[in-house]
Amino acid sequence: MHSCRDRELSEALSGKTAHTIALFDHLVDEYLQIAKIKVYPTKSMIALGARINFAYVTQLGKNFIDVVFPFKQVYDDNLCFSKIKQVPGTDQYNHYFRMYFKEDINDEVRKYMRMAWEKSR
């Protein structure tokens, strides 16, 4: 990654708990086992992308991170998403995953992580 991106990421993670940063790092490490990805910090979130962005860390809480996976259809037969909402005026459905522990990324979550990445290729 380019050095200014590293600085932006450190700013995005500034003031966050060691637990929250470890969760974020674990999410990125899990994605790196799927494919080469890039991390794009923005003002309001941290995007994960390849050719296009495929997942978004929307909140870095004290003891959790929220990750959104956008899909073109609803995947409601799962145990990992706390909510699924359609983006108004689009055919996109945001699937919300809250991670409290590294172990929360299980085989079911990995399946959706891979699906989100595959749609970006």
PDB file of N, CA and C in Angstrom:
ATOM      1  N   MET A   1       0.827  -1.185   0.000  1.00  0.00           N
ATOM      2  CA  MET A   1       0.000   0.000   0.000  1.00  0.00           C
ATOM      3  C   MET A   1       0.871   1.248   0.000  1.00  0.00           C
ATOM      4  N   HIS A   2       0.345   2.302  -0.543  1.00  0.00           N
ATOM      5  CA  HIS A   2       1.011   3.586  -0.578  1.00  0.00           C
ATOM      6  C   HIS A   2       1.083   4.152   0.843  1.00  0.00           C
ATOM      7  N   SER A   3       2.119   4.863   1.143  1.00  0.00           N
ATOM      8  CA  SER A   3       2.344   5.330   2.512  1.00  0.00           C
ATOM      9  C   SER A   3       1.251   6.271   3.007  1.00  0.00           C
ATOM     10  N   CYS A   4       0.681   7.109   2.138  1.00  0.00           N
ATOM     11  CA  CYS A   4      -0.370   8.006   2.629  1.00  0.00           C
ATOM     12  C   CYS A   4      -1.599   7.206   3.041  1.00  0.00           C
ATOM     13  N   ARG A   5      -1.846   6.079   2.367  1.00  0.00           N
ATOM     14  CA  ARG A   5      -2.951   5.205   2.775  1.00  0.00           C
ATOM     15  C   ARG A   5      -2.691   4.646   4.168  1.00  0.00           C
ATOM     16  N   ASP A   6      -1.431   4.276   4.434  1.00  0.00           N
ATOM     17  CA  ASP A   6      -1.093   3.769   5.758  1.00  0.00           C
ATOM     18  C   ASP A   6      -1.386   4.824   6.825  1.00  0.00           C
ATOM     19  N   ARG A   7      -1.023   6.064   6.536  1.00  0.00           N
ATOM     20  CA  ARG A   7      -1.276   7.141   7.488  1.00  0.00           C
ATOM     21  C   ARG A   7      -2.784   7.331   7.679  1.00  0.00           C
ATOM     22  N   GLU A   8      -3.541   7.296   6.589  1.00  0.00           N
ATOM     23  CA  GLU A   8      -4.989   7.440   6.700  1.00  0.00           C
ATOM     24  C   GLU A   8      -5.582   6.303   7.514  1.00  0.00           C
ATOM     25  N   LEU A   9      -5.077   5.090   7.328  1.00  0.00           N
ATOM     26  CA  LEU A   9      -5.579   3.958   8.097  1.00  0.00           C
ATOM     27  C   LEU A   9      -5.244   4.133   9.568  1.00  0.00           C
ATOM     28  N   SER A  10      -4.043   4.562   9.859  1.00  0.00           N
ATOM     29  CA  SER A  10      -3.676   4.759  11.268  1.00  0.00           C
ATOM     30  C   SER A  10      -4.562   5.833  11.901  1.00  0.00           C
ATOM     31  N   GLU A  11      -4.928   6.845  11.114  1.00  0.00           N
ATOM     32  CA  GLU A  11      -5.846   7.872  11.628  1.00  0.00           C
ATOM     33  C   GLU A  11      -7.227   7.286  11.878  1.00  0.00           C
ATOM     34  N   ALA A  12      -7.686   6.408  10.980  1.00  0.00           N
ATOM     35  CA  ALA A  12      -9.006   5.782  11.143  1.00  0.00           C
ATOM     36  C   ALA A  12      -9.039   4.889  12.382  1.00  0.00           C
ATOM     37  N   LEU A  13      -7.903   4.293  12.706  1.00  0.00           N
ATOM     38  CA  LEU A  13      -7.829   3.383  13.855  1.00  0.00           C
ATOM     39  C   LEU A  13      -7.394   4.090  15.137  1.00  0.00           C
ATOM     40  N   SER A  14      -7.031   5.351  15.025  1.00  0.00           N
ATOM     41  CA  SER A  14      -6.559   6.114  16.176  1.00  0.00           C
ATOM     42  C   SER A  14      -7.629   6.179  17.264  1.00  0.00           C
ATOM     43  N   GLY A  15      -7.216   5.912  18.488  1.00  0.00           N
ATOM     44  CA  GLY A  15      -8.140   5.986  19.618  1.00  0.00           C
ATOM     45  C   GLY A  15      -9.000   4.753  19.804  1.00  0.00           C
ATOM     46  N   LYS A  16      -8.856   3.780  18.926  1.00  0.00           N
ATOM     47  CA  LYS A  16      -9.646   2.550  19.046  1.00  0.00           C
ATOM     48  C   LYS A  16      -8.954   1.604  20.018  1.00  0.00           C
ATOM     49  N   THR A  17      -9.720   0.727  20.619  1.00  0.00           N
ATOM     50  CA  THR A  17      -9.152  -0.203  21.592  1.00  0.00           C
ATOM     51  C   THR A  17      -8.273  -1.230  20.887  1.00  0.00           C
ATOM     52  N   ALA A  18      -7.353  -1.808  21.640  1.00  0.00           N
ATOM     53  CA  ALA A  18      -6.485  -2.859  21.093  1.00  0.00           C
ATOM     54  C   ALA A  18      -7.340  -4.028  20.595  1.00  0.00           C
ATOM     55  N   HIS A  19      -8.428  -4.324  21.297  1.00  0.00           N
ATOM     56  CA  HIS A  19      -9.322  -5.416  20.894  1.00  0.00           C
ATOM     57  C   HIS A  19      -9.947  -5.122  19.528  1.00  0.00           C
ATOM     58  N   THR A  20     -10.443  -3.905  19.353  1.00  0.00           N
ATOM     59  CA  THR A  20     -11.080  -3.518  18.091  1.00  0.00           C
ATOM     60  C   THR A  20     -10.077  -3.553  16.943  1.00  0.00           C
ATOM     61  N   ILE A  21      -8.880  -3.058  17.168  1.00  0.00           N
ATOM     62  CA  ILE A  21      -7.846  -3.079  16.124  1.00  0.00           C
ATOM     63  C   ILE A  21      -7.475  -4.522  15.784  1.00  0.00           C
ATOM     64  N   ALA A  22      -7.410  -5.384  16.797  1.00  0.00           N
ATOM     65  CA  ALA A  22      -7.113  -6.805  16.540  1.00  0.00           C
ATOM     66  C   ALA A  22      -8.225  -7.445  15.705  1.00  0.00           C
ATOM     67  N   LEU A  23      -9.481  -7.082  15.954  1.00  0.00           N
ATOM     68  CA  LEU A  23     -10.589  -7.605  15.145  1.00  0.00           C
ATOM     69  C   LEU A  23     -10.453  -7.142  13.700  1.00  0.00           C
ATOM     70  N   PHE A  24     -10.167  -5.864  13.511  1.00  0.00           N
ATOM     71  CA  PHE A  24     -10.003  -5.327  12.158  1.00  0.00           C
ATOM     72  C   PHE A  24      -8.854  -6.040  11.442  1.00  0.00           C
ATOM     73  N   ASP A  25      -7.714  -6.167  12.126  1.00  0.00           N
ATOM     74  CA  ASP A  25      -6.559  -6.850  11.525  1.00  0.00           C
ATOM     75  C   ASP A  25      -6.900  -8.290  11.160  1.00  0.00           C
ATOM     76  N   HIS A  26      -7.675  -8.944  12.014  1.00  0.00           N
ATOM     77  CA  HIS A  26      -8.065 -10.336  11.741  1.00  0.00           C
ATOM     78  C   HIS A  26      -8.960 -10.411  10.500  1.00  0.00           C
ATOM     79  N   LEU A  27      -9.893  -9.479  10.365  1.00  0.00           N
ATOM     80  CA  LEU A  27     -10.755  -9.436   9.179  1.00  0.00           C
ATOM     81  C   LEU A  27      -9.895  -9.289   7.921  1.00  0.00           C
ATOM     82  N   VAL A  28      -8.960  -8.365   7.940  1.00  0.00           N
ATOM     83  CA  VAL A  28      -8.083  -8.153   6.778  1.00  0.00           C
ATOM     84  C   VAL A  28      -7.256  -9.410   6.515  1.00  0.00           C
ATOM     85  N   ASP A  29      -6.703 -10.008   7.560  1.00  0.00           N
ATOM     86  CA  ASP A  29      -5.905 -11.239   7.401  1.00  0.00           C
ATOM     87  C   ASP A  29      -6.741 -12.363   6.788  1.00  0.00           C
ATOM     88  N   GLU A  30      -7.993 -12.489   7.234  1.00  0.00           N
ATOM     89  CA  GLU A  30      -8.879 -13.511   6.668  1.00  0.00           C
ATOM     90  C   GLU A  30      -9.103 -13.252   5.182  1.00  0.00           C
ATOM     91  N   TYR A  31      -9.307 -11.988   4.812  1.00  0.00           N
ATOM     92  CA  TYR A  31      -9.503 -11.661   3.396  1.00  0.00           C
ATOM     93  C   TYR A  31      -8.235 -11.923   2.589  1.00  0.00           C
ATOM     94  N   LEU A  32      -7.072 -11.669   3.190  1.00  0.00           N
ATOM     95  CA  LEU A  32      -5.821 -11.914   2.468  1.00  0.00           C
ATOM     96  C   LEU A  32      -5.610 -13.402   2.186  1.00  0.00           C
ATOM     97  N   GLN A  33      -6.277 -14.263   2.921  1.00  0.00           N
ATOM     98  CA  GLN A  33      -6.221 -15.697   2.625  1.00  0.00           C
ATOM     99  C   GLN A  33      -7.092 -16.048   1.419  1.00  0.00           C
ATOM    100  N   ILE A  34      -8.041 -15.163   1.088  1.00  0.00           N
ATOM    101  CA  ILE A  34      -8.911 -15.360  -0.074  1.00  0.00           C
ATOM    102  C   ILE A  34      -8.254 -14.768  -1.321  1.00  0.00           C
ATOM    103  N   ALA A  35      -7.732 -13.550  -1.181  1.00  0.00           N
ATOM    104  CA  ALA A  35      -7.176 -12.848  -2.348  1.00  0.00           C
ATOM    105  C   ALA A  35      -6.362 -11.643  -1.890  1.00  0.00           C
ATOM    106  N   LYS A  36      -5.651 -11.072  -2.844  1.00  0.00           N
ATOM    107  CA  LYS A  36      -4.940  -9.828  -2.587  1.00  0.00           C
ATOM    108  C   LYS A  36      -5.988  -8.713  -2.581  1.00  0.00           C
ATOM    109  N   ILE A  37      -6.042  -7.978  -1.486  1.00  0.00           N
ATOM    110  CA  ILE A  37      -7.039  -6.912  -1.362  1.00  0.00           C
ATOM    111  C   ILE A  37      -6.337  -5.614  -0.985  1.00  0.00           C
ATOM    112  N   LYS A  38      -7.088  -4.534  -1.067  1.00  0.00           N
ATOM    113  CA  LYS A  38      -6.601  -3.233  -0.637  1.00  0.00           C
ATOM    114  C   LYS A  38      -7.564  -2.673   0.399  1.00  0.00           C
ATOM    115  N   VAL A  39      -7.034  -1.843   1.267  1.00  0.00           N
ATOM    116  CA  VAL A  39      -7.821  -1.206   2.320  1.00  0.00           C
ATOM    117  C   VAL A  39      -7.889   0.285   1.986  1.00  0.00           C
ATOM    118  N   TYR A  40      -9.109   0.824   1.936  1.00  0.00           N
ATOM    119  CA  TYR A  40      -9.326   2.220   1.565  1.00  0.00           C
ATOM    120  C   TYR A  40     -10.059   2.960   2.682  1.00  0.00           C
ATOM    121  N   PRO A  41      -9.325   3.642   3.556  1.00  0.00           N
ATOM    122  CA  PRO A  41     -10.013   4.420   4.593  1.00  0.00           C
ATOM    123  C   PRO A  41     -10.696   5.636   3.969  1.00  0.00           C
ATOM    124  N   THR A  42     -11.913   5.916   4.408  1.00  0.00           N
ATOM    125  CA  THR A  42     -12.622   7.125   4.002  1.00  0.00           C
ATOM    126  C   THR A  42     -12.988   7.878   5.279  1.00  0.00           C
ATOM    127  N   LYS A  43     -13.693   8.984   5.121  1.00  0.00           N
ATOM    128  CA  LYS A  43     -14.088   9.745   6.301  1.00  0.00           C
ATOM    129  C   LYS A  43     -15.016   8.963   7.219  1.00  0.00           C
ATOM    130  N   SER A  44     -15.912   8.167   6.631  1.00  0.00           N
ATOM    131  CA  SER A  44     -16.953   7.541   7.431  1.00  0.00           C
ATOM    132  C   SER A  44     -16.819   6.027   7.584  1.00  0.00           C
ATOM    133  N   MET A  45     -15.898   5.390   6.846  1.00  0.00           N
ATOM    134  CA  MET A  45     -15.776   3.935   6.911  1.00  0.00           C
ATOM    135  C   MET A  45     -14.439   3.514   6.328  1.00  0.00           C
ATOM    136  N   ILE A  46     -14.190   2.197   6.383  1.00  0.00           N
ATOM    137  CA  ILE A  46     -12.995   1.637   5.760  1.00  0.00           C
ATOM    138  C   ILE A  46     -13.468   0.610   4.737  1.00  0.00           C
ATOM    139  N   ALA A  47     -13.171   0.876   3.476  1.00  0.00           N
ATOM    140  CA  ALA A  47     -13.590  -0.032   2.404  1.00  0.00           C
ATOM    141  C   ALA A  47     -12.505  -1.074   2.158  1.00  0.00           C
ATOM    142  N   LEU A  48     -12.938  -2.288   1.828  1.00  0.00           N
ATOM    143  CA  LEU A  48     -12.043  -3.352   1.396  1.00  0.00           C
ATOM    144  C   LEU A  48     -12.344  -3.604  -0.060  1.00  0.00           C
ATOM    145  N   GLY A  49     -11.307  -3.641  -0.888  1.00  0.00           N
ATOM    146  CA  GLY A  49     -11.559  -3.764  -2.309  1.00  0.00           C
ATOM    147  C   GLY A  49     -10.483  -4.504  -3.061  1.00  0.00           C
ATOM    148  N   ALA A  50     -10.826  -4.819  -4.279  1.00  0.00           N
ATOM    149  CA  ALA A  50      -9.898  -5.381  -5.262  1.00  0.00           C
ATOM    150  C   ALA A  50     -10.024  -4.441  -6.456  1.00  0.00           C
ATOM    151  N   ARG A  51     -10.683  -4.913  -7.521  1.00  0.00           N
ATOM    152  CA  ARG A  51     -10.969  -4.019  -8.653  1.00  0.00           C
ATOM    153  C   ARG A  51     -12.025  -2.989  -8.237  1.00  0.00           C
ATOM    154  N   ILE A  52     -13.023  -3.449  -7.473  1.00  0.00           N
ATOM    155  CA  ILE A  52     -14.023  -2.555  -6.878  1.00  0.00           C
ATOM    156  C   ILE A  52     -14.147  -2.929  -5.397  1.00  0.00           C
ATOM    157  N   ASN A  53     -14.733  -2.037  -4.618  1.00  0.00           N
ATOM    158  CA  ASN A  53     -14.926  -2.323  -3.191  1.00  0.00           C
ATOM    159  C   ASN A  53     -16.015  -3.370  -3.017  1.00  0.00           C
ATOM    160  N   PHE A  54     -15.803  -4.284  -2.069  1.00  0.00           N
ATOM    161  CA  PHE A  54     -16.753  -5.383  -1.867  1.00  0.00           C
ATOM    162  C   PHE A  54     -17.178  -5.561  -0.426  1.00  0.00           C
ATOM    163  N   ALA A  55     -16.592  -4.836   0.502  1.00  0.00           N
ATOM    164  CA  ALA A  55     -16.995  -4.908   1.907  1.00  0.00           C
ATOM    165  C   ALA A  55     -16.594  -3.597   2.572  1.00  0.00           C
ATOM    166  N   TYR A  56     -17.331  -3.254   3.615  1.00  0.00           N
ATOM    167  CA  TYR A  56     -17.116  -1.974   4.276  1.00  0.00           C
ATOM    168  C   TYR A  56     -17.161  -2.156   5.790  1.00  0.00           C
ATOM    169  N   VAL A  57     -16.131  -1.672   6.474  1.00  0.00           N
ATOM    170  CA  VAL A  57     -16.164  -1.614   7.930  1.00  0.00           C
ATOM    171  C   VAL A  57     -16.792  -0.269   8.255  1.00  0.00           C
ATOM    172  N   THR A  58     -18.026  -0.326   8.762  1.00  0.00           N
ATOM    173  CA  THR A  58     -18.796   0.903   8.956  1.00  0.00           C
ATOM    174  C   THR A  58     -18.714   1.442  10.374  1.00  0.00           C
ATOM    175  N   GLN A  59     -18.310   0.592  11.314  1.00  0.00           N
ATOM    176  CA  GLN A  59     -18.178   1.065  12.689  1.00  0.00           C
ATOM    177  C   GLN A  59     -17.089   0.283  13.398  1.00  0.00           C
ATOM    178  N   LEU A  60     -16.254   1.022  14.123  1.00  0.00           N
ATOM    179  CA  LEU A  60     -15.228   0.432  14.980  1.00  0.00           C
ATOM    180  C   LEU A  60     -15.621   0.778  16.410  1.00  0.00           C
ATOM    181  N   GLY A  61     -16.343  -0.141  17.061  1.00  0.00           N
ATOM    182  CA  GLY A  61     -16.809   0.103  18.428  1.00  0.00           C
ATOM    183  C   GLY A  61     -15.726  -0.207  19.440  1.00  0.00           C
ATOM    184  N   LYS A  62     -16.084  -0.130  20.722  1.00  0.00           N
ATOM    185  CA  LYS A  62     -15.106  -0.436  21.774  1.00  0.00           C
ATOM    186  C   LYS A  62     -14.707  -1.900  21.772  1.00  0.00           C
ATOM    187  N   ASN A  63     -15.690  -2.773  21.483  1.00  0.00           N
ATOM    188  CA  ASN A  63     -15.399  -4.215  21.549  1.00  0.00           C
ATOM    189  C   ASN A  63     -15.950  -4.972  20.344  1.00  0.00           C
ATOM    190  N   PHE A  64     -16.178  -4.262  19.238  1.00  0.00           N
ATOM    191  CA  PHE A  64     -16.718  -4.913  18.036  1.00  0.00           C
ATOM    192  C   PHE A  64     -16.369  -4.084  16.814  1.00  0.00           C
ATOM    193  N   ILE A  65     -16.555  -4.713  15.640  1.00  0.00           N
ATOM    194  CA  ILE A  65     -16.551  -3.967  14.382  1.00  0.00           C
ATOM    195  C   ILE A  65     -17.793  -4.383  13.601  1.00  0.00           C
ATOM    196  N   ASP A  66     -18.350  -3.451  12.867  1.00  0.00           N
ATOM    197  CA  ASP A  66     -19.476  -3.726  11.979  1.00  0.00           C
ATOM    198  C   ASP A  66     -18.964  -3.757  10.549  1.00  0.00           C
ATOM    199  N   VAL A  67     -19.341  -4.825   9.842  1.00  0.00           N
ATOM    200  CA  VAL A  67     -18.935  -5.001   8.456  1.00  0.00           C
ATOM    201  C   VAL A  67     -20.188  -5.141   7.607  1.00  0.00           C
ATOM    202  N   VAL A  68     -20.218  -4.446   6.477  1.00  0.00           N
ATOM    203  CA  VAL A  68     -21.343  -4.526   5.549  1.00  0.00           C
ATOM    204  C   VAL A  68     -20.867  -5.180   4.262  1.00  0.00           C
ATOM    205  N   PHE A  69     -21.632  -6.195   3.839  1.00  0.00           N
ATOM    206  CA  PHE A  69     -21.396  -6.872   2.562  1.00  0.00           C
ATOM    207  C   PHE A  69     -22.563  -6.534   1.641  1.00  0.00           C
ATOM    208  N   PRO A  70     -22.332  -5.822   0.544  1.00  0.00           N
ATOM    209  CA  PRO A  70     -23.421  -5.518  -0.388  1.00  0.00           C
ATOM    210  C   PRO A  70     -23.604  -6.652  -1.406  1.00  0.00           C
ATOM    211  N   PHE A  71     -24.832  -7.097  -1.544  1.00  0.00           N
ATOM    212  CA  PHE A  71     -25.166  -8.130  -2.525  1.00  0.00           C
ATOM    213  C   PHE A  71     -26.371  -7.678  -3.334  1.00  0.00           C
ATOM    214  N   LYS A  72     -26.562  -8.298  -4.508  1.00  0.00           N
ATOM    215  CA  LYS A  72     -27.700  -7.975  -5.377  1.00  0.00           C
ATOM    216  C   LYS A  72     -28.952  -8.750  -4.994  1.00  0.00           C
ATOM    217  N   GLN A  73     -28.844  -9.623  -4.001  1.00  0.00           N
ATOM    218  CA  GLN A  73     -30.010 -10.372  -3.541  1.00  0.00           C
ATOM    219  C   GLN A  73     -29.909 -10.553  -2.041  1.00  0.00           C
ATOM    220  N   VAL A  74     -31.002 -10.962  -1.434  1.00  0.00           N
ATOM    221  CA  VAL A  74     -31.059 -11.185   0.012  1.00  0.00           C
ATOM    222  C   VAL A  74     -30.595 -12.601   0.315  1.00  0.00           C
ATOM    223  N   TYR A  75     -29.679 -12.709   1.263  1.00  0.00           N
ATOM    224  CA  TYR A  75     -29.247 -14.005   1.795  1.00  0.00           C
ATOM    225  C   TYR A  75     -29.696 -14.052   3.253  1.00  0.00           C
ATOM    226  N   ASP A  76     -30.933 -14.494   3.460  1.00  0.00           N
ATOM    227  CA  ASP A  76     -31.477 -14.454   4.821  1.00  0.00           C
ATOM    228  C   ASP A  76     -31.443 -15.808   5.532  1.00  0.00           C
ATOM    229  N   ASP A  77     -30.950 -16.832   4.866  1.00  0.00           N
ATOM    230  CA  ASP A  77     -30.857 -18.150   5.482  1.00  0.00           C
ATOM    231  C   ASP A  77     -29.451 -18.325   6.069  1.00  0.00           C
ATOM    232  N   ASN A  78     -29.177 -17.590   7.137  1.00  0.00           N
ATOM    233  CA  ASN A  78     -27.850 -17.622   7.755  1.00  0.00           C
ATOM    234  C   ASN A  78     -27.968 -17.236   9.213  1.00  0.00           C
ATOM    235  N   LEU A  79     -26.884 -17.422   9.928  1.00  0.00           N
ATOM    236  CA  LEU A  79     -26.838 -17.033  11.334  1.00  0.00           C
ATOM    237  C   LEU A  79     -25.911 -15.848  11.581  1.00  0.00           C
ATOM    238  N   CYS A  80     -25.277 -15.332  10.529  1.00  0.00           N
ATOM    239  CA  CYS A  80     -24.224 -14.333  10.748  1.00  0.00           C
ATOM    240  C   CYS A  80     -24.659 -12.885  10.563  1.00  0.00           C
ATOM    241  N   PHE A  81     -25.733 -12.625   9.823  1.00  0.00           N
ATOM    242  CA  PHE A  81     -26.112 -11.239   9.573  1.00  0.00           C
ATOM    243  C   PHE A  81     -27.160 -10.774  10.569  1.00  0.00           C
ATOM    244  N   SER A  82     -26.901  -9.636  11.210  1.00  0.00           N
ATOM    245  CA  SER A  82     -27.837  -9.101  12.197  1.00  0.00           C
ATOM    246  C   SER A  82     -29.007  -8.383  11.527  1.00  0.00           C
ATOM    247  N   LYS A  83     -28.765  -7.844  10.327  1.00  0.00           N
ATOM    248  CA  LYS A  83     -29.858  -7.246   9.554  1.00  0.00           C
ATOM    249  C   LYS A  83     -29.465  -7.208   8.095  1.00  0.00           C
ATOM    250  N   ILE A  84     -30.486  -7.104   7.262  1.00  0.00           N
ATOM    251  CA  ILE A  84     -30.310  -6.995   5.812  1.00  0.00           C
ATOM    252  C   ILE A  84     -31.251  -5.890   5.357  1.00  0.00           C
ATOM    253  N   LYS A  85     -30.695  -4.872   4.692  1.00  0.00           N
ATOM    254  CA  LYS A  85     -31.528  -3.740   4.259  1.00  0.00           C
ATOM    255  C   LYS A  85     -31.231  -3.403   2.816  1.00  0.00           C
ATOM    256  N   GLN A  86     -32.295  -3.139   2.065  1.00  0.00           N
ATOM    257  CA  GLN A  86     -32.130  -2.699   0.681  1.00  0.00           C
ATOM    258  C   GLN A  86     -31.713  -1.234   0.667  1.00  0.00           C
ATOM    259  N   VAL A  87     -30.757  -0.908  -0.197  1.00  0.00           N
ATOM    260  CA  VAL A  87     -30.356   0.478  -0.389  1.00  0.00           C
ATOM    261  C   VAL A  87     -31.445   1.126  -1.237  1.00  0.00           C
ATOM    262  N   PRO A  88     -32.091   2.176  -0.734  1.00  0.00           N
ATOM    263  CA  PRO A  88     -33.213   2.778  -1.459  1.00  0.00           C
ATOM    264  C   PRO A  88     -32.859   3.137  -2.896  1.00  0.00           C
ATOM    265  N   GLY A  89     -33.760   2.766  -3.806  1.00  0.00           N
ATOM    266  CA  GLY A  89     -33.600   3.106  -5.213  1.00  0.00           C
ATOM    267  C   GLY A  89     -32.607   2.236  -5.963  1.00  0.00           C
ATOM    268  N   THR A  90     -32.155   1.140  -5.341  1.00  0.00           N
ATOM    269  CA  THR A  90     -31.194   0.256  -6.003  1.00  0.00           C
ATOM    270  C   THR A  90     -31.627  -1.203  -5.847  1.00  0.00           C
ATOM    271  N   ASP A  91     -30.879  -2.078  -6.512  1.00  0.00           N
ATOM    272  CA  ASP A  91     -31.103  -3.513  -6.327  1.00  0.00           C
ATOM    273  C   ASP A  91     -30.025  -4.090  -5.399  1.00  0.00           C
ATOM    274  N   GLN A  92     -29.451  -3.236  -4.563  1.00  0.00           N
ATOM    275  CA  GLN A  92     -28.406  -3.669  -3.631  1.00  0.00           C
ATOM    276  C   GLN A  92     -28.995  -3.892  -2.244  1.00  0.00           C
ATOM    277  N   TYR A  93     -28.588  -4.994  -1.626  1.00  0.00           N
ATOM    278  CA  TYR A  93     -29.005  -5.343  -0.277  1.00  0.00           C
ATOM    279  C   TYR A  93     -27.766  -5.413   0.608  1.00  0.00           C
ATOM    280  N   ASN A  94     -27.701  -4.534   1.588  1.00  0.00           N
ATOM    281  CA  ASN A  94     -26.576  -4.535   2.513  1.00  0.00           C
ATOM    282  C   ASN A  94     -26.824  -5.552   3.616  1.00  0.00           C
ATOM    283  N   HIS A  95     -25.848  -6.420   3.808  1.00  0.00           N
ATOM    284  CA  HIS A  95     -25.896  -7.473   4.823  1.00  0.00           C
ATOM    285  C   HIS A  95     -24.940  -7.075   5.941  1.00  0.00           C
ATOM    286  N   TYR A  96     -25.454  -6.933   7.151  1.00  0.00           N
ATOM    287  CA  TYR A  96     -24.695  -6.400   8.276  1.00  0.00           C
ATOM    288  C   TYR A  96     -24.201  -7.522   9.182  1.00  0.00           C
ATOM    289  N   PHE A  97     -22.893  -7.524   9.404  1.00  0.00           N
ATOM    290  CA  PHE A  97     -22.236  -8.517  10.251  1.00  0.00           C
ATOM    291  C   PHE A  97     -21.514  -7.787  11.379  1.00  0.00           C
ATOM    292  N   ARG A  98     -21.810  -8.142  12.623  1.00  0.00           N
ATOM    293  CA  ARG A  98     -21.118  -7.553  13.773  1.00  0.00           C
ATOM    294  C   ARG A  98     -20.167  -8.594  14.343  1.00  0.00           C
ATOM    295  N   MET A  99     -18.909  -8.212  14.436  1.00  0.00           N
ATOM    296  CA  MET A  99     -17.854  -9.112  14.913  1.00  0.00           C
ATOM    297  C   MET A  99     -17.381  -8.673  16.296  1.00  0.00           C
ATOM    298  N   TYR A 100     -17.550  -9.568  17.291  1.00  0.00           N
ATOM    299  CA  TYR A 100     -17.087  -9.311  18.651  1.00  0.00           C
ATOM    300  C   TYR A 100     -15.778 -10.036  18.961  1.00  0.00           C
ATOM    301  N   PHE A 101     -15.596 -11.186  18.330  1.00  0.00           N
ATOM    302  CA  PHE A 101     -14.425 -12.026  18.595  1.00  0.00           C
ATOM    303  C   PHE A 101     -13.862 -12.514  17.263  1.00  0.00           C
ATOM    304  N   LYS A 102     -12.579 -12.809  17.229  1.00  0.00           N
ATOM    305  CA  LYS A 102     -11.960 -13.339  16.016  1.00  0.00           C
ATOM    306  C   LYS A 102     -12.691 -14.591  15.546  1.00  0.00           C
ATOM    307  N   GLU A 103     -13.154 -15.386  16.513  1.00  0.00           N
ATOM    308  CA  GLU A 103     -13.846 -16.639  16.186  1.00  0.00           C
ATOM    309  C   GLU A 103     -15.189 -16.415  15.493  1.00  0.00           C
ATOM    310  N   ASP A 104     -15.677 -15.177  15.509  1.00  0.00           N
ATOM    311  CA  ASP A 104     -16.934 -14.885  14.806  1.00  0.00           C
ATOM    312  C   ASP A 104     -16.790 -15.074  13.298  1.00  0.00           C
ATOM    313  N   ILE A 105     -15.570 -14.996  12.791  1.00  0.00           N
ATOM    314  CA  ILE A 105     -15.365 -15.307  11.375  1.00  0.00           C
ATOM    315  C   ILE A 105     -15.223 -16.826  11.271  1.00  0.00           C
ATOM    316  N   ASN A 106     -16.355 -17.459  11.003  1.00  0.00           N
ATOM    317  CA  ASN A 106     -16.410 -18.915  10.883  1.00  0.00           C
ATOM    318  C   ASN A 106     -16.601 -19.283   9.408  1.00  0.00           C
ATOM    319  N   ASP A 107     -16.847 -20.541   9.146  1.00  0.00           N
ATOM    320  CA  ASP A 107     -16.983 -20.980   7.751  1.00  0.00           C
ATOM    321  C   ASP A 107     -18.144 -20.287   7.046  1.00  0.00           C
ATOM    322  N   GLU A 108     -19.247 -20.053   7.760  1.00  0.00           N
ATOM    323  CA  GLU A 108     -20.385 -19.371   7.144  1.00  0.00           C
ATOM    324  C   GLU A 108     -19.997 -17.946   6.730  1.00  0.00           C
ATOM    325  N   VAL A 109     -19.345 -17.216   7.612  1.00  0.00           N
ATOM    326  CA  VAL A 109     -18.932 -15.849   7.300  1.00  0.00           C
ATOM    327  C   VAL A 109     -17.918 -15.864   6.165  1.00  0.00           C
ATOM    328  N   ARG A 110     -16.980 -16.797   6.203  1.00  0.00           N
ATOM    329  CA  ARG A 110     -15.982 -16.897   5.115  1.00  0.00           C
ATOM    330  C   ARG A 110     -16.661 -17.112   3.764  1.00  0.00           C
ATOM    331  N   LYS A 111     -17.732 -17.878   3.751  1.00  0.00           N
ATOM    332  CA  LYS A 111     -18.465 -18.114   2.492  1.00  0.00           C
ATOM    333  C   LYS A 111     -18.978 -16.785   1.928  1.00  0.00           C
ATOM    334  N   TYR A 112     -19.567 -15.957   2.779  1.00  0.00           N
ATOM    335  CA  TYR A 112     -20.082 -14.663   2.314  1.00  0.00           C
ATOM    336  C   TYR A 112     -18.951 -13.694   1.998  1.00  0.00           C
ATOM    337  N   MET A 113     -17.858 -13.765   2.738  1.00  0.00           N
ATOM    338  CA  MET A 113     -16.695 -12.934   2.422  1.00  0.00           C
ATOM    339  C   MET A 113     -16.205 -13.260   1.021  1.00  0.00           C
ATOM    340  N   ARG A 114     -16.109 -14.551   0.716  1.00  0.00           N
ATOM    341  CA  ARG A 114     -15.647 -14.970  -0.611  1.00  0.00           C
ATOM    342  C   ARG A 114     -16.644 -14.533  -1.687  1.00  0.00           C
ATOM    343  N   MET A 115     -17.938 -14.693  -1.423  1.00  0.00           N
ATOM    344  CA  MET A 115     -18.953 -14.283  -2.392  1.00  0.00           C
ATOM    345  C   MET A 115     -18.849 -12.783  -2.684  1.00  0.00           C
ATOM    346  N   ALA A 116     -18.655 -11.982  -1.639  1.00  0.00           N
ATOM    347  CA  ALA A 116     -18.541 -10.530  -1.831  1.00  0.00           C
ATOM    348  C   ALA A 116     -17.304 -10.208  -2.666  1.00  0.00           C
ATOM    349  N   TRP A 117     -16.197 -10.873  -2.368  1.00  0.00           N
ATOM    350  CA  TRP A 117     -14.968 -10.648  -3.140  1.00  0.00           C
ATOM    351  C   TRP A 117     -15.149 -11.085  -4.592  1.00  0.00           C
ATOM    352  N   GLU A 118     -15.778 -12.247  -4.814  1.00  0.00           N
ATOM    353  CA  GLU A 118     -15.929 -12.765  -6.187  1.00  0.00           C
ATOM    354  C   GLU A 118     -16.730 -11.824  -7.063  1.00  0.00           C
ATOM    355  N   LYS A 119     -17.694 -11.130  -6.510  1.00  0.00           N
ATOM    356  CA  LYS A 119     -18.480 -10.204  -7.333  1.00  0.00           C
ATOM    357  C   LYS A 119     -17.677  -8.982  -7.738  1.00  0.00           C
ATOM    358  N   SER A 120     -16.513  -8.787  -7.115  1.00  0.00           N
ATOM    359  CA  SER A 120     -15.692  -7.613  -7.445  1.00  0.00           C
ATOM    360  C   SER A 120     -14.685  -7.916  -8.551  1.00  0.00           C
ATOM    361  N   ARG A 121     -14.607  -9.161  -8.978  1.00  0.00           N
ATOM    362  CA  ARG A 121     -13.589  -9.520  -9.973  1.00  0.00           C
ATOM    363  C   ARG A 121     -14.049  -9.233 -11.370  1.00  0.00           C
TER     364      ARG A 121
END
